[in-house]
Amino acid sequence: MTKADVIKEIVQKTGIDQEAVSQVVEAMMSSIKEAMAGGDEVFLRGFGSFIIKRRAEKIGRNISQNTSMIIPAHNIPAFKPAESFVKMIK
């Protein structure tokens, strides 16, 4: 399912104008990205959490050149679904 599919689904379920729904979806995604870029996590009860995971420093290898390099510690975005969401999928 793509973003366009999600927008169409919301339009069908609510009857709200497609342009308005598109703006709301874009604003929500932008708000989540900005919050996470600022170091905050986003919690949506009953759906899940957008969290920041910390990856430790590690040694990586380039097999074709047979060299090692240090990959510095860094943060990555992650999604953790709510327990009710996981149960529904199972």
PDB file of N, CA and C in Angstrom:
ATOM      1  N   MET A   1       0.839  -1.173   0.000  1.00  0.00           N
ATOM      2  CA  MET A   1       0.000   0.000   0.000  1.00  0.00           C
ATOM      3  C   MET A   1       0.890   1.243   0.000  1.00  0.00           C
ATOM      4  N   THR A   2       0.641   2.132  -0.910  1.00  0.00           N
ATOM      5  CA  THR A   2       1.432   3.352  -1.023  1.00  0.00           C
ATOM      6  C   THR A   2       0.743   4.506  -0.288  1.00  0.00           C
ATOM      7  N   LYS A   3       1.431   5.635  -0.217  1.00  0.00           N
ATOM      8  CA  LYS A   3       0.853   6.823   0.421  1.00  0.00           C
ATOM      9  C   LYS A   3      -0.418   7.239  -0.315  1.00  0.00           C
ATOM     10  N   ALA A   4      -0.412   7.166  -1.630  1.00  0.00           N
ATOM     11  CA  ALA A   4      -1.591   7.524  -2.421  1.00  0.00           C
ATOM     12  C   ALA A   4      -2.763   6.598  -2.098  1.00  0.00           C
ATOM     13  N   ASP A   5      -2.477   5.311  -1.909  1.00  0.00           N
ATOM     14  CA  ASP A   5      -3.515   4.352  -1.537  1.00  0.00           C
ATOM     15  C   ASP A   5      -4.098   4.674  -0.171  1.00  0.00           C
ATOM     16  N   VAL A   6      -3.243   5.061   0.759  1.00  0.00           N
ATOM     17  CA  VAL A   6      -3.706   5.429   2.103  1.00  0.00           C
ATOM     18  C   VAL A   6      -4.620   6.651   2.013  1.00  0.00           C
ATOM     19  N   ILE A   7      -4.223   7.632   1.229  1.00  0.00           N
ATOM     20  CA  ILE A   7      -5.035   8.840   1.069  1.00  0.00           C
ATOM     21  C   ILE A   7      -6.392   8.493   0.472  1.00  0.00           C
ATOM     22  N   LYS A   8      -6.417   7.662  -0.574  1.00  0.00           N
ATOM     23  CA  LYS A   8      -7.689   7.248  -1.190  1.00  0.00           C
ATOM     24  C   LYS A   8      -8.576   6.523  -0.192  1.00  0.00           C
ATOM     25  N   GLU A   9      -7.984   5.661   0.626  1.00  0.00           N
ATOM     26  CA  GLU A   9      -8.731   4.910   1.637  1.00  0.00           C
ATOM     27  C   GLU A   9      -9.371   5.858   2.652  1.00  0.00           C
ATOM     28  N   ILE A  10      -8.616   6.844   3.096  1.00  0.00           N
ATOM     29  CA  ILE A  10      -9.142   7.814   4.061  1.00  0.00           C
ATOM     30  C   ILE A  10     -10.266   8.635   3.436  1.00  0.00           C
ATOM     31  N   VAL A  11     -10.100   9.040   2.173  1.00  0.00           N
ATOM     32  CA  VAL A  11     -11.142   9.797   1.474  1.00  0.00           C
ATOM     33  C   VAL A  11     -12.424   8.982   1.401  1.00  0.00           C
ATOM     34  N   GLN A  12     -12.310   7.689   1.075  1.00  0.00           N
ATOM     35  CA  GLN A  12     -13.486   6.826   0.967  1.00  0.00           C
ATOM     36  C   GLN A  12     -14.174   6.637   2.319  1.00  0.00           C
ATOM     37  N   LYS A  13     -13.387   6.496   3.391  1.00  0.00           N
ATOM     38  CA  LYS A  13     -13.966   6.245   4.709  1.00  0.00           C
ATOM     39  C   LYS A  13     -14.564   7.497   5.351  1.00  0.00           C
ATOM     40  N   THR A  14     -13.992   8.681   5.038  1.00  0.00           N
ATOM     41  CA  THR A  14     -14.440   9.893   5.719  1.00  0.00           C
ATOM     42  C   THR A  14     -15.258  10.827   4.841  1.00  0.00           C
ATOM     43  N   GLY A  15     -15.070  10.769   3.540  1.00  0.00           N
ATOM     44  CA  GLY A  15     -15.767  11.681   2.647  1.00  0.00           C
ATOM     45  C   GLY A  15     -15.133  13.063   2.593  1.00  0.00           C
ATOM     46  N   ILE A  16     -13.987  13.222   3.222  1.00  0.00           N
ATOM     47  CA  ILE A  16     -13.274  14.497   3.204  1.00  0.00           C
ATOM     48  C   ILE A  16     -12.573  14.641   1.857  1.00  0.00           C
ATOM     49  N   ASP A  17     -12.424  15.886   1.406  1.00  0.00           N
ATOM     50  CA  ASP A  17     -11.774  16.199   0.136  1.00  0.00           C
ATOM     51  C   ASP A  17     -10.366  15.594   0.074  1.00  0.00           C
ATOM     52  N   GLN A  18      -9.999  15.058  -1.082  1.00  0.00           N
ATOM     53  CA  GLN A  18      -8.705  14.396  -1.251  1.00  0.00           C
ATOM     54  C   GLN A  18      -7.536  15.345  -0.994  1.00  0.00           C
ATOM     55  N   GLU A  19      -7.658  16.588  -1.407  1.00  0.00           N
ATOM     56  CA  GLU A  19      -6.578  17.559  -1.203  1.00  0.00           C
ATOM     57  C   GLU A  19      -6.356  17.811   0.285  1.00  0.00           C
ATOM     58  N   ALA A  20      -7.437  17.911   1.039  1.00  0.00           N
ATOM     59  CA  ALA A  20      -7.330  18.137   2.492  1.00  0.00           C
ATOM     60  C   ALA A  20      -6.687  16.936   3.178  1.00  0.00           C
ATOM     61  N   VAL A  21      -7.093  15.740   2.792  1.00  0.00           N
ATOM     62  CA  VAL A  21      -6.524  14.522   3.372  1.00  0.00           C
ATOM     63  C   VAL A  21      -5.040  14.434   3.039  1.00  0.00           C
ATOM     64  N   SER A  22      -4.686  14.766   1.806  1.00  0.00           N
ATOM     65  CA  SER A  22      -3.289  14.730   1.385  1.00  0.00           C
ATOM     66  C   SER A  22      -2.445  15.684   2.228  1.00  0.00           C
ATOM     67  N   GLN A  23      -2.958  16.887   2.479  1.00  0.00           N
ATOM     68  CA  GLN A  23      -2.234  17.860   3.296  1.00  0.00           C
ATOM     69  C   GLN A  23      -2.064  17.368   4.730  1.00  0.00           C
ATOM     70  N   VAL A  24      -3.104  16.729   5.280  1.00  0.00           N
ATOM     71  CA  VAL A  24      -3.030  16.219   6.647  1.00  0.00           C
ATOM     72  C   VAL A  24      -2.000  15.087   6.739  1.00  0.00           C
ATOM     73  N   VAL A  25      -2.011  14.171   5.789  1.00  0.00           N
ATOM     74  CA  VAL A  25      -1.059  13.060   5.793  1.00  0.00           C
ATOM     75  C   VAL A  25       0.368  13.588   5.665  1.00  0.00           C
ATOM     76  N   GLU A  26       0.587  14.529   4.757  1.00  0.00           N
ATOM     77  CA  GLU A  26       1.920  15.123   4.585  1.00  0.00           C
ATOM     78  C   GLU A  26       2.372  15.844   5.855  1.00  0.00           C
ATOM     79  N   ALA A  27       1.454  16.580   6.487  1.00  0.00           N
ATOM     80  CA  ALA A  27       1.786  17.301   7.714  1.00  0.00           C
ATOM     81  C   ALA A  27       2.120  16.331   8.845  1.00  0.00           C
ATOM     82  N   MET A  28       1.402  15.225   8.930  1.00  0.00           N
ATOM     83  CA  MET A  28       1.677  14.227   9.965  1.00  0.00           C
ATOM     84  C   MET A  28       3.059  13.612   9.760  1.00  0.00           C
ATOM     85  N   MET A  29       3.363  13.233   8.538  1.00  0.00           N
ATOM     86  CA  MET A  29       4.664  12.637   8.257  1.00  0.00           C
ATOM     87  C   MET A  29       5.784  13.636   8.519  1.00  0.00           C
ATOM     88  N   SER A  30       5.572  14.876   8.148  1.00  0.00           N
ATOM     89  CA  SER A  30       6.569  15.912   8.376  1.00  0.00           C
ATOM     90  C   SER A  30       6.788  16.141   9.876  1.00  0.00           C
ATOM     91  N   SER A  31       5.710  16.160  10.641  1.00  0.00           N
ATOM     92  CA  SER A  31       5.815  16.348  12.091  1.00  0.00           C
ATOM     93  C   SER A  31       6.588  15.209  12.746  1.00  0.00           C
ATOM     94  N   ILE A  32       6.331  13.984  12.317  1.00  0.00           N
ATOM     95  CA  ILE A  32       7.033  12.825  12.866  1.00  0.00           C
ATOM     96  C   ILE A  32       8.522  12.913  12.535  1.00  0.00           C
ATOM     97  N   LYS A  33       8.850  13.245  11.281  1.00  0.00           N
ATOM     98  CA  LYS A  33      10.256  13.351  10.883  1.00  0.00           C
ATOM     99  C   LYS A  33      10.979  14.456  11.646  1.00  0.00           C
ATOM    100  N   GLU A  34      10.338  15.611  11.797  1.00  0.00           N
ATOM    101  CA  GLU A  34      10.951  16.722  12.514  1.00  0.00           C
ATOM    102  C   GLU A  34      11.179  16.378  13.986  1.00  0.00           C
ATOM    103  N   ALA A  35      10.194  15.714  14.597  1.00  0.00           N
ATOM    104  CA  ALA A  35      10.334  15.335  16.008  1.00  0.00           C
ATOM    105  C   ALA A  35      11.494  14.368  16.184  1.00  0.00           C
ATOM    106  N   MET A  36      11.585  13.385  15.310  1.00  0.00           N
ATOM    107  CA  MET A  36      12.649  12.392  15.429  1.00  0.00           C
ATOM    108  C   MET A  36      14.016  13.006  15.110  1.00  0.00           C
ATOM    109  N   ALA A  37      14.067  13.928  14.162  1.00  0.00           N
ATOM    110  CA  ALA A  37      15.329  14.601  13.850  1.00  0.00           C
ATOM    111  C   ALA A  37      15.799  15.431  15.039  1.00  0.00           C
ATOM    112  N   GLY A  38      14.850  15.902  15.837  1.00  0.00           N
ATOM    113  CA  GLY A  38      15.178  16.668  17.030  1.00  0.00           C
ATOM    114  C   GLY A  38      15.476  15.802  18.242  1.00  0.00           C
ATOM    115  N   GLY A  39      15.451  14.491  18.078  1.00  0.00           N
ATOM    116  CA  GLY A  39      15.783  13.578  19.170  1.00  0.00           C
ATOM    117  C   GLY A  39      14.584  13.080  19.966  1.00  0.00           C
ATOM    118  N   ASP A  40      13.376  13.473  19.572  1.00  0.00           N
ATOM    119  CA  ASP A  40      12.174  13.024  20.281  1.00  0.00           C
ATOM    120  C   ASP A  40      11.634  11.748  19.645  1.00  0.00           C
ATOM    121  N   GLU A  41      10.904  10.987  20.458  1.00  0.00           N
ATOM    122  CA  GLU A  41      10.216   9.805  19.954  1.00  0.00           C
ATOM    123  C   GLU A  41       8.732  10.129  19.866  1.00  0.00           C
ATOM    124  N   VAL A  42       8.016   9.456  18.959  1.00  0.00           N
ATOM    125  CA  VAL A  42       6.598   9.724  18.731  1.00  0.00           C
ATOM    126  C   VAL A  42       5.802   8.481  19.112  1.00  0.00           C
ATOM    127  N   PHE A  43       4.822   8.656  20.001  1.00  0.00           N
ATOM    128  CA  PHE A  43       4.009   7.537  20.491  1.00  0.00           C
ATOM    129  C   PHE A  43       2.568   7.733  20.039  1.00  0.00           C
ATOM    130  N   LEU A  44       2.035   6.767  19.288  1.00  0.00           N
ATOM    131  CA  LEU A  44       0.645   6.784  18.846  1.00  0.00           C
ATOM    132  C   LEU A  44      -0.054   5.591  19.488  1.00  0.00           C
ATOM    133  N   ARG A  45      -0.832   5.850  20.546  1.00  0.00           N
ATOM    134  CA  ARG A  45      -1.471   4.775  21.311  1.00  0.00           C
ATOM    135  C   ARG A  45      -2.328   3.901  20.401  1.00  0.00           C
ATOM    136  N   GLY A  46      -2.198   2.593  20.559  1.00  0.00           N
ATOM    137  CA  GLY A  46      -2.963   1.638  19.782  1.00  0.00           C
ATOM    138  C   GLY A  46      -2.376   1.357  18.405  1.00  0.00           C
ATOM    139  N   PHE A  47      -1.380   2.128  18.005  1.00  0.00           N
ATOM    140  CA  PHE A  47      -0.755   1.920  16.703  1.00  0.00           C
ATOM    141  C   PHE A  47       0.703   1.526  16.858  1.00  0.00           C
ATOM    142  N   GLY A  48       1.489   2.372  17.498  1.00  0.00           N
ATOM    143  CA  GLY A  48       2.892   2.048  17.711  1.00  0.00           C
ATOM    144  C   GLY A  48       3.712   3.282  18.014  1.00  0.00           C
ATOM    145  N   SER A  49       5.014   3.087  18.074  1.00  0.00           N
ATOM    146  CA  SER A  49       5.938   4.153  18.424  1.00  0.00           C
ATOM    147  C   SER A  49       7.030   4.272  17.373  1.00  0.00           C
ATOM    148  N   PHE A  50       7.332   5.499  17.022  1.00  0.00           N
ATOM    149  CA  PHE A  50       8.472   5.785  16.168  1.00  0.00           C
ATOM    150  C   PHE A  50       9.601   6.133  17.123  1.00  0.00           C
ATOM    151  N   ILE A  51      10.607   5.267  17.183  1.00  0.00           N
ATOM    152  CA  ILE A  51      11.676   5.419  18.163  1.00  0.00           C
ATOM    153  C   ILE A  51      13.017   5.593  17.469  1.00  0.00           C
ATOM    154  N   ILE A  52      13.978   6.059  18.248  1.00  0.00           N
ATOM    155  CA  ILE A  52      15.336   6.224  17.743  1.00  0.00           C
ATOM    156  C   ILE A  52      16.201   5.145  18.382  1.00  0.00           C
ATOM    157  N   LYS A  53      16.824   4.329  17.545  1.00  0.00           N
ATOM    158  CA  LYS A  53      17.716   3.282  18.043  1.00  0.00           C
ATOM    159  C   LYS A  53      19.158   3.734  17.869  1.00  0.00           C
ATOM    160  N   ARG A  54      19.965   3.429  18.848  1.00  0.00           N
ATOM    161  CA  ARG A  54      21.383   3.779  18.824  1.00  0.00           C
ATOM    162  C   ARG A  54      22.176   2.567  18.365  1.00  0.00           C
ATOM    163  N   ARG A  55      22.943   2.728  17.316  1.00  0.00           N
ATOM    164  CA  ARG A  55      23.826   1.669  16.833  1.00  0.00           C
ATOM    165  C   ARG A  55      25.231   1.946  17.359  1.00  0.00           C
ATOM    166  N   ALA A  56      25.840   0.938  17.942  1.00  0.00           N
ATOM    167  CA  ALA A  56      27.178   1.078  18.510  1.00  0.00           C
ATOM    168  C   ALA A  56      28.226   1.126  17.399  1.00  0.00           C
ATOM    169  N   GLU A  57      29.384   1.652  17.751  1.00  0.00           N
ATOM    170  CA  GLU A  57      30.510   1.658  16.813  1.00  0.00           C
ATOM    171  C   GLU A  57      30.906   0.212  16.524  1.00  0.00           C
ATOM    172  N   LYS A  58      31.275  -0.071  15.281  1.00  0.00           N
ATOM    173  CA  LYS A  58      31.691  -1.433  14.945  1.00  0.00           C
ATOM    174  C   LYS A  58      32.700  -1.401  13.805  1.00  0.00           C
ATOM    175  N   ILE A  59      33.304  -2.525  13.595  1.00  0.00           N
ATOM    176  CA  ILE A  59      34.279  -2.666  12.516  1.00  0.00           C
ATOM    177  C   ILE A  59      33.587  -3.336  11.339  1.00  0.00           C
ATOM    178  N   GLY A  60      33.629  -2.675  10.191  1.00  0.00           N
ATOM    179  CA  GLY A  60      33.064  -3.227   8.974  1.00  0.00           C
ATOM    180  C   GLY A  60      34.181  -3.674   8.041  1.00  0.00           C
ATOM    181  N   ARG A  61      33.825  -4.557   7.105  1.00  0.00           N
ATOM    182  CA  ARG A  61      34.839  -5.053   6.180  1.00  0.00           C
ATOM    183  C   ARG A  61      34.383  -4.848   4.751  1.00  0.00           C
ATOM    184  N   ASN A  62      35.337  -4.444   3.916  1.00  0.00           N
ATOM    185  CA  ASN A  62      35.128  -4.368   2.481  1.00  0.00           C
ATOM    186  C   ASN A  62      35.793  -5.625   1.917  1.00  0.00           C
ATOM    187  N   ILE A  63      34.996  -6.616   1.595  1.00  0.00           N
ATOM    188  CA  ILE A  63      35.523  -7.918   1.182  1.00  0.00           C
ATOM    189  C   ILE A  63      36.282  -7.826  -0.136  1.00  0.00           C
ATOM    190  N   SER A  64      35.800  -7.007  -1.076  1.00  0.00           N
ATOM    191  CA  SER A  64      36.463  -6.939  -2.384  1.00  0.00           C
ATOM    192  C   SER A  64      37.870  -6.347  -2.289  1.00  0.00           C
ATOM    193  N   GLN A  65      38.095  -5.412  -1.346  1.00  0.00           N
ATOM    194  CA  GLN A  65      39.422  -4.819  -1.187  1.00  0.00           C
ATOM    195  C   GLN A  65      40.170  -5.404   0.010  1.00  0.00           C
ATOM    196  N   ASN A  66      39.525  -6.287   0.748  1.00  0.00           N
ATOM    197  CA  ASN A  66      40.101  -6.935   1.929  1.00  0.00           C
ATOM    198  C   ASN A  66      40.626  -5.897   2.931  1.00  0.00           C
ATOM    199  N   THR A  67      39.786  -4.909   3.215  1.00  0.00           N
ATOM    200  CA  THR A  67      40.147  -3.877   4.180  1.00  0.00           C
ATOM    201  C   THR A  67      39.084  -3.781   5.265  1.00  0.00           C
ATOM    202  N   SER A  68      39.487  -3.259   6.403  1.00  0.00           N
ATOM    203  CA  SER A  68      38.562  -3.025   7.507  1.00  0.00           C
ATOM    204  C   SER A  68      38.422  -1.523   7.718  1.00  0.00           C
ATOM    205  N   MET A  69      37.264  -1.145   8.215  1.00  0.00           N
ATOM    206  CA  MET A  69      37.047   0.259   8.534  1.00  0.00           C
ATOM    207  C   MET A  69      36.134   0.354   9.740  1.00  0.00           C
ATOM    208  N   ILE A  70      36.261   1.432  10.476  1.00  0.00           N
ATOM    209  CA  ILE A  70      35.430   1.631  11.654  1.00  0.00           C
ATOM    210  C   ILE A  70      34.176   2.394  11.238  1.00  0.00           C
ATOM    211  N   ILE A  71      33.032   1.811  11.554  1.00  0.00           N
ATOM    212  CA  ILE A  71      31.751   2.475  11.318  1.00  0.00           C
ATOM    213  C   ILE A  71      31.367   3.145  12.636  1.00  0.00           C
ATOM    214  N   PRO A  72      31.268   4.468  12.657  1.00  0.00           N
ATOM    215  CA  PRO A  72      31.005   5.161  13.922  1.00  0.00           C
ATOM    216  C   PRO A  72      29.605   4.881  14.465  1.00  0.00           C
ATOM    217  N   ALA A  73      29.429   5.104  15.757  1.00  0.00           N
ATOM    218  CA  ALA A  73      28.115   4.963  16.374  1.00  0.00           C
ATOM    219  C   ALA A  73      27.157   5.959  15.727  1.00  0.00           C
ATOM    220  N   HIS A  74      25.907   5.547  15.553  1.00  0.00           N
ATOM    221  CA  HIS A  74      24.931   6.433  14.914  1.00  0.00           C
ATOM    222  C   HIS A  74      23.515   6.042  15.339  1.00  0.00           C
ATOM    223  N   ASN A  75      22.583   6.932  15.063  1.00  0.00           N
ATOM    224  CA  ASN A  75      21.177   6.695  15.364  1.00  0.00           C
ATOM    225  C   ASN A  75      20.436   6.305  14.096  1.00  0.00           C
ATOM    226  N   ILE A  76      19.426   5.432  14.254  1.00  0.00           N
ATOM    227  CA  ILE A  76      18.561   5.089  13.128  1.00  0.00           C
ATOM    228  C   ILE A  76      17.107   5.152  13.596  1.00  0.00           C
ATOM    229  N   PRO A  77      16.188   5.541  12.707  1.00  0.00           N
ATOM    230  CA  PRO A  77      14.772   5.538  13.073  1.00  0.00           C
ATOM    231  C   PRO A  77      14.229   4.116  13.016  1.00  0.00           C
ATOM    232  N   ALA A  78      13.268   3.835  13.886  1.00  0.00           N
ATOM    233  CA  ALA A  78      12.663   2.501  13.912  1.00  0.00           C
ATOM    234  C   ALA A  78      11.193   2.640  14.303  1.00  0.00           C
ATOM    235  N   PHE A  79      10.405   1.638  13.972  1.00  0.00           N
ATOM    236  CA  PHE A  79       8.997   1.607  14.346  1.00  0.00           C
ATOM    237  C   PHE A  79       8.758   0.382  15.210  1.00  0.00           C
ATOM    238  N   LYS A  80       8.113   0.591  16.345  1.00  0.00           N
ATOM    239  CA  LYS A  80       7.762  -0.511  17.228  1.00  0.00           C
ATOM    240  C   LYS A  80       6.240  -0.544  17.328  1.00  0.00           C
ATOM    241  N   PRO A  81       5.586  -1.568  16.758  1.00  0.00           N
ATOM    242  CA  PRO A  81       4.126  -1.610  16.782  1.00  0.00           C
ATOM    243  C   PRO A  81       3.583  -1.842  18.193  1.00  0.00           C
ATOM    244  N   ALA A  82       2.381  -1.332  18.426  1.00  0.00           N
ATOM    245  CA  ALA A  82       1.714  -1.531  19.713  1.00  0.00           C
ATOM    246  C   ALA A  82       1.320  -3.005  19.850  1.00  0.00           C
ATOM    247  N   GLU A  83       1.170  -3.449  21.084  1.00  0.00           N
ATOM    248  CA  GLU A  83       0.837  -4.847  21.343  1.00  0.00           C
ATOM    249  C   GLU A  83      -0.483  -5.234  20.675  1.00  0.00           C
ATOM    250  N   SER A  84      -1.480  -4.355  20.721  1.00  0.00           N
ATOM    251  CA  SER A  84      -2.770  -4.658  20.094  1.00  0.00           C
ATOM    252  C   SER A  84      -2.627  -4.776  18.575  1.00  0.00           C
ATOM    253  N   PHE A  85      -1.734  -3.989  17.990  1.00  0.00           N
ATOM    254  CA  PHE A  85      -1.467  -4.037  16.556  1.00  0.00           C
ATOM    255  C   PHE A  85      -0.828  -5.380  16.192  1.00  0.00           C
ATOM    256  N   VAL A  86       0.135  -5.817  17.001  1.00  0.00           N
ATOM    257  CA  VAL A  86       0.811  -7.095  16.757  1.00  0.00           C
ATOM    258  C   VAL A  86      -0.177  -8.240  16.850  1.00  0.00           C
ATOM    259  N   LYS A  87      -1.061  -8.216  17.850  1.00  0.00           N
ATOM    260  CA  LYS A  87      -2.066  -9.272  18.008  1.00  0.00           C
ATOM    261  C   LYS A  87      -3.000  -9.329  16.813  1.00  0.00           C
ATOM    262  N   MET A  88      -3.371  -8.165  16.265  1.00  0.00           N
ATOM    263  CA  MET A  88      -4.268  -8.114  15.125  1.00  0.00           C
ATOM    264  C   MET A  88      -3.602  -8.751  13.895  1.00  0.00           C
ATOM    265  N   ILE A  89      -2.321  -8.531  13.722  1.00  0.00           N
ATOM    266  CA  ILE A  89      -1.595  -9.076  12.566  1.00  0.00           C
ATOM    267  C   ILE A  89      -1.458 -10.590  12.676  1.00  0.00           C
ATOM    268  N   LYS A  90      -1.207 -11.073  13.904  1.00  0.00           N
ATOM    269  CA  LYS A  90      -1.056 -12.519  14.108  1.00  0.00           C
ATOM    270  C   LYS A  90      -2.368 -13.212  13.821  1.00  0.00           C
TER     271      LYS A  90
END
